[in-house]
Amino acid sequence: MGSCATKNQENEVSLPSNPRLQRAYQQYSQIIEITHPLNVNQKYNSYFTLIPDQFIGTGIKKTNQYESRLSKEEWQQKRVEFWDSRIEGQKENWTTIKAALEADEGTAKTLLQAADLKLIKNSMQIVFDNHGQKYDLPVFVMHNPVSFPQKQSYDQNLYQSFDRKIVKFKVRSTKWNIDKEVSYNTGDKVESLIKELQSKEESQKMKLFVNGREMRGHNMFGNYGVQDNSVVQAFMF
């Protein structure tokens, strides 16, 4: 075990002499910190809550533990979507990374080294190739969560008394580069937004969440406390 660690440390030090790759390594070494705003886990923070100072996995697959904000079914779907939607970098590198993630530690290192893929701080959370291209792996792809949300009645503890008024709020999806702004009356049903988005996105199935709670189509926006500047998360299948 000690010899493996030493070997990997040598690989980390023996980076290519190319100045561009050295700069990339230095930059990615900062981004790998989970609190960094450009860390990949920040992009997916609507999916889970990271647990500071608690870890899962060993060696190059060690990450922070996390609690899922999605149901098990949604979490499984998001994993599939992640691998199906990789367009940055080389496709064959993503194939190698996925195979390494599913393999044991020794095989994983062999696969990555054979493809000239290098690790940042001995972690598969950020891998980069000889062109300096970065390949990020969020924690929900690398490991299972410590827990999923408890199933609850969707109509429990909703706001029954609220002002009927027009509110302007944001809809966010990983499919979009920027949030979409929409306006609805708090007395409008959630299904009206679902239908609007489905007509534009051609998605067969969609789920909306606000403040970690799924919004059901037959309820009103006011039932969920939607206000000006609220952020609604849209998951499309």
Protein backbone atom coordinates (compact mmCIF):
# COMPACT_ATOMS: atom_id res chain seq x y z
CA MET A 1 0.00 0.00 0.00
CA GLY A 2 2.86 2.31 0.90
CA SER A 3 4.70 1.54 -2.36
CA CYS A 4 1.61 2.40 -4.39
CA ALA A 5 1.30 5.75 -2.67
CA THR A 6 4.96 6.51 -3.30
CA LYS A 7 4.65 5.62 -6.96
CA ASN A 8 1.65 7.85 -7.39
CA GLN A 9 3.37 10.73 -5.63
CA GLU A 10 6.23 10.38 -8.11
CA ASN A 11 3.75 10.58 -10.96
CA GLU A 12 2.31 13.74 -9.48
CA VAL A 13 5.76 15.36 -9.27
CA SER A 14 6.92 14.12 -12.68
CA LEU A 15 4.52 16.27 -14.67
CA PRO A 16 5.36 17.13 -18.29
CA SER A 17 7.79 20.01 -18.63
CA ASN A 18 5.33 21.81 -20.90
CA PRO A 19 4.69 25.19 -19.20
CA ARG A 20 1.04 25.18 -20.31
CA LEU A 21 0.42 21.87 -18.57
CA GLN A 22 2.21 23.10 -15.47
CA ARG A 23 -0.11 26.13 -15.36
CA ALA A 24 -3.11 23.86 -15.85
CA TYR A 25 -1.98 21.67 -12.96
CA GLN A 26 -1.59 24.66 -10.67
CA GLN A 27 -5.01 26.02 -11.65
CA TYR A 28 -6.79 22.69 -11.21
CA SER A 29 -5.08 22.15 -7.85
CA GLN A 30 -7.07 25.12 -6.55
CA ILE A 31 -10.35 24.13 -8.18
CA ILE A 32 -10.32 20.65 -6.63
CA GLU A 33 -11.09 22.17 -3.22
CA ILE A 34 -14.83 21.61 -2.62
CA THR A 35 -15.34 25.19 -1.41
CA HIS A 36 -13.90 26.69 -4.59
CA PRO A 37 -16.68 28.35 -6.67
CA LEU A 38 -15.46 26.58 -9.82
CA ASN A 39 -15.37 23.15 -8.20
CA VAL A 40 -17.64 20.83 -10.20
CA ASN A 41 -19.68 19.95 -7.11
CA GLN A 42 -20.89 23.56 -6.93
CA LYS A 43 -22.56 23.07 -10.31
CA TYR A 44 -24.54 20.12 -9.00
CA ASN A 45 -25.22 21.37 -5.47
CA SER A 46 -28.97 21.16 -6.06
CA TYR A 47 -28.53 17.37 -6.18
CA PHE A 48 -26.82 16.85 -2.83
CA THR A 49 -25.37 18.30 0.36
CA LEU A 50 -21.66 17.70 0.94
CA ILE A 51 -20.61 16.63 4.44
CA PRO A 52 -17.41 18.46 5.47
CA ASP A 53 -14.59 16.40 6.98
CA GLN A 54 -16.36 13.09 6.36
CA PHE A 55 -15.08 10.92 3.53
CA ILE A 56 -15.89 7.83 1.53
CA GLY A 57 -13.68 5.67 -0.64
CA THR A 58 -9.92 5.29 -0.56
CA GLY A 59 -6.92 6.24 -2.63
CA ILE A 60 -7.67 8.02 -5.88
CA LYS A 61 -11.43 7.53 -5.35
CA LYS A 62 -11.65 9.22 -1.95
CA THR A 63 -14.25 12.02 -1.79
CA ASN A 64 -16.41 13.84 0.72
CA GLN A 65 -19.54 12.02 1.81
CA TYR A 66 -22.85 13.57 0.80
CA GLU A 67 -26.59 13.40 1.41
CA SER A 68 -28.77 13.20 -1.68
CA ARG A 69 -31.51 15.78 -2.19
CA LEU A 70 -32.97 13.61 -4.93
CA SER A 71 -34.94 10.42 -4.60
CA LYS A 72 -33.04 7.24 -5.40
CA GLU A 73 -34.73 7.04 -8.80
CA GLU A 74 -33.86 10.64 -9.67
CA TRP A 75 -30.30 10.18 -8.45
CA GLN A 76 -29.85 7.09 -10.65
CA GLN A 77 -31.23 9.00 -13.63
CA LYS A 78 -28.84 11.90 -13.04
CA ARG A 79 -25.90 9.51 -13.03
CA VAL A 80 -26.97 8.16 -16.42
CA GLU A 81 -27.47 11.68 -17.75
CA PHE A 82 -24.00 12.71 -16.58
CA TRP A 83 -22.20 10.06 -18.61
CA ASP A 84 -24.48 10.48 -21.62
CA SER A 85 -23.94 14.25 -21.78
CA ARG A 86 -20.12 14.48 -21.68
CA ILE A 87 -19.04 16.60 -24.66
CA GLU A 88 -15.91 18.35 -23.38
CA GLY A 89 -12.57 16.69 -24.05
CA GLN A 90 -12.09 13.39 -25.86
CA LYS A 91 -14.81 10.75 -25.82
CA GLU A 92 -12.26 7.95 -25.45
CA ASN A 93 -10.86 9.64 -22.35
CA TRP A 94 -14.30 9.71 -20.75
CA THR A 95 -14.64 6.00 -21.57
CA THR A 96 -11.30 5.32 -19.87
CA ILE A 97 -12.22 7.42 -16.83
CA LYS A 98 -15.54 5.60 -16.41
CA ALA A 99 -13.79 2.23 -16.70
CA ALA A 100 -11.19 3.32 -14.14
CA LEU A 101 -13.89 4.47 -11.75
CA GLU A 102 -15.54 1.05 -11.91
CA ALA A 103 -12.25 -0.86 -11.53
CA ASP A 104 -10.12 -1.61 -8.48
CA GLU A 105 -7.40 0.87 -7.51
CA GLY A 106 -4.51 -0.88 -9.25
CA THR A 107 -6.38 -1.41 -12.50
CA ALA A 108 -7.70 2.15 -12.40
CA LYS A 109 -4.18 3.59 -12.17
CA THR A 110 -3.00 1.36 -15.01
CA LEU A 111 -5.87 2.47 -17.27
CA LEU A 112 -5.30 6.16 -16.54
CA GLN A 113 -1.54 5.96 -17.02
CA ALA A 114 -1.91 4.08 -20.31
CA ALA A 115 -4.12 6.90 -21.61
CA ASP A 116 -1.69 9.60 -20.34
CA LEU A 117 -4.37 10.90 -18.00
CA LYS A 118 -3.07 12.61 -14.88
CA LEU A 119 -4.66 13.18 -11.49
CA ILE A 120 -4.85 16.36 -9.46
CA LYS A 121 -3.72 15.77 -5.87
CA ASN A 122 -3.98 12.01 -6.33
CA SER A 123 -7.75 12.20 -6.87
CA MET A 124 -9.99 11.19 -9.75
CA GLN A 125 -12.22 14.16 -8.98
CA ILE A 126 -10.14 16.06 -11.53
CA VAL A 127 -8.26 14.33 -14.34
CA PHE A 128 -6.47 16.11 -17.17
CA ASP A 129 -4.91 15.02 -20.46
CA ASN A 130 -1.80 16.02 -22.39
CA HIS A 131 -3.69 18.92 -23.97
CA GLY A 132 -4.51 20.37 -20.56
CA GLN A 133 -8.19 19.44 -20.94
CA LYS A 134 -9.90 18.94 -17.58
CA TYR A 135 -12.30 16.08 -16.81
CA ASP A 136 -14.38 16.66 -13.65
CA LEU A 137 -16.14 13.97 -11.63
CA PRO A 138 -18.73 15.19 -9.09
CA VAL A 139 -19.15 13.13 -5.94
CA PHE A 140 -22.59 11.81 -6.88
CA VAL A 141 -21.01 10.02 -9.85
CA MET A 142 -18.16 8.52 -7.83
CA HIS A 143 -20.01 7.22 -4.76
CA ASN A 144 -23.44 6.49 -3.34
CA PRO A 145 -24.93 8.99 -0.86
CA VAL A 146 -25.11 8.28 2.85
CA SER A 147 -28.87 8.89 2.68
CA PHE A 148 -31.81 9.75 0.44
CA PRO A 149 -34.71 12.05 1.42
CA GLN A 150 -37.43 10.34 3.39
CA LYS A 151 -40.57 9.78 1.40
CA GLN A 152 -43.35 12.08 2.48
CA SER A 153 -46.84 13.07 1.49
CA TYR A 154 -46.41 15.66 -1.24
CA ASP A 155 -49.30 17.74 0.06
CA GLN A 156 -48.28 17.92 3.71
CA ASN A 157 -47.29 21.22 5.31
CA LEU A 158 -48.11 23.39 2.29
CA TYR A 159 -48.93 27.07 2.66
CA GLN A 160 -52.71 27.37 2.62
CA SER A 161 -52.91 31.12 3.19
CA PHE A 162 -50.96 33.44 0.90
CA ASP A 163 -51.39 36.66 -1.07
CA ARG A 164 -52.52 36.24 -4.65
CA LYS A 165 -50.05 38.28 -6.69
CA ILE A 166 -47.74 38.14 -9.68
CA VAL A 167 -44.23 36.94 -8.81
CA LYS A 168 -41.14 36.86 -11.00
CA PHE A 169 -38.79 33.96 -10.31
CA LYS A 170 -36.04 31.91 -11.94
CA VAL A 171 -36.09 28.41 -13.35
CA ARG A 172 -32.75 26.60 -13.36
CA SER A 173 -31.67 23.47 -15.20
CA THR A 174 -28.31 21.86 -15.94
CA LYS A 175 -29.45 21.78 -19.58
CA TRP A 176 -29.23 25.56 -19.80
CA ASN A 177 -26.29 27.93 -19.60
CA ILE A 178 -28.35 30.61 -17.85
CA ASP A 179 -31.49 30.66 -15.71
CA LYS A 180 -34.86 31.44 -17.30
CA GLU A 181 -37.03 34.14 -15.74
CA VAL A 182 -40.78 33.55 -15.62
CA SER A 183 -43.77 35.34 -14.12
CA TYR A 184 -46.84 33.67 -12.65
CA ASN A 185 -49.58 34.45 -10.20
CA THR A 186 -49.13 32.71 -6.87
CA GLY A 187 -52.62 31.33 -7.43
CA ASP A 188 -51.62 29.64 -10.70
CA LYS A 189 -51.12 25.90 -10.69
CA VAL A 190 -47.62 24.50 -11.04
CA GLU A 191 -48.74 22.43 -14.00
CA SER A 192 -48.95 25.61 -16.08
CA LEU A 193 -45.17 26.07 -15.79
CA ILE A 194 -44.55 22.38 -16.42
CA LYS A 195 -46.56 22.56 -19.66
CA GLU A 196 -44.78 25.74 -20.73
CA LEU A 197 -41.35 24.20 -20.25
CA GLN A 198 -42.32 20.90 -21.85
CA SER A 199 -43.54 22.71 -24.97
CA LYS A 200 -40.22 24.53 -25.31
CA GLU A 201 -37.84 21.77 -24.25
CA GLU A 202 -39.67 18.81 -25.79
CA SER A 203 -39.17 16.85 -22.58
CA GLN A 204 -41.53 13.96 -21.96
CA LYS A 205 -41.06 14.04 -18.20
CA MET A 206 -40.23 16.91 -15.90
CA LYS A 207 -40.04 17.52 -12.17
CA LEU A 208 -39.80 20.89 -10.43
CA PHE A 209 -38.30 21.54 -7.00
CA VAL A 210 -38.13 24.61 -4.79
CA ASN A 211 -36.24 24.72 -1.50
CA GLY A 212 -35.56 20.98 -1.82
CA ARG A 213 -39.24 20.05 -2.18
CA GLU A 214 -40.91 18.63 -5.25
CA MET A 215 -43.71 20.80 -6.65
CA ARG A 216 -46.80 18.88 -7.72
CA GLY A 217 -48.73 20.09 -10.74
CA HIS A 218 -52.13 20.27 -9.04
CA ASN A 219 -50.85 22.65 -6.34
CA MET A 220 -50.35 26.40 -6.66
CA PHE A 221 -47.09 28.33 -6.57
CA GLY A 222 -48.25 30.03 -3.39
CA ASN A 223 -48.59 26.64 -1.69
CA TYR A 224 -44.80 26.33 -1.94
CA GLY A 225 -44.02 29.88 -0.88
CA VAL A 226 -42.70 30.91 -4.30
CA GLN A 227 -41.79 34.60 -4.22
CA ASP A 228 -39.94 37.15 -6.33
CA ASN A 229 -36.41 35.88 -7.03
CA SER A 230 -37.15 32.33 -5.88
CA VAL A 231 -35.20 29.65 -7.77
CA VAL A 232 -37.09 26.63 -9.08
CA GLN A 233 -34.98 23.63 -10.12
CA ALA A 234 -36.17 21.83 -13.26
CA PHE A 235 -35.19 18.21 -13.88
CA MET A 236 -35.97 16.99 -17.39
CA PHE A 237 -35.98 13.41 -18.58
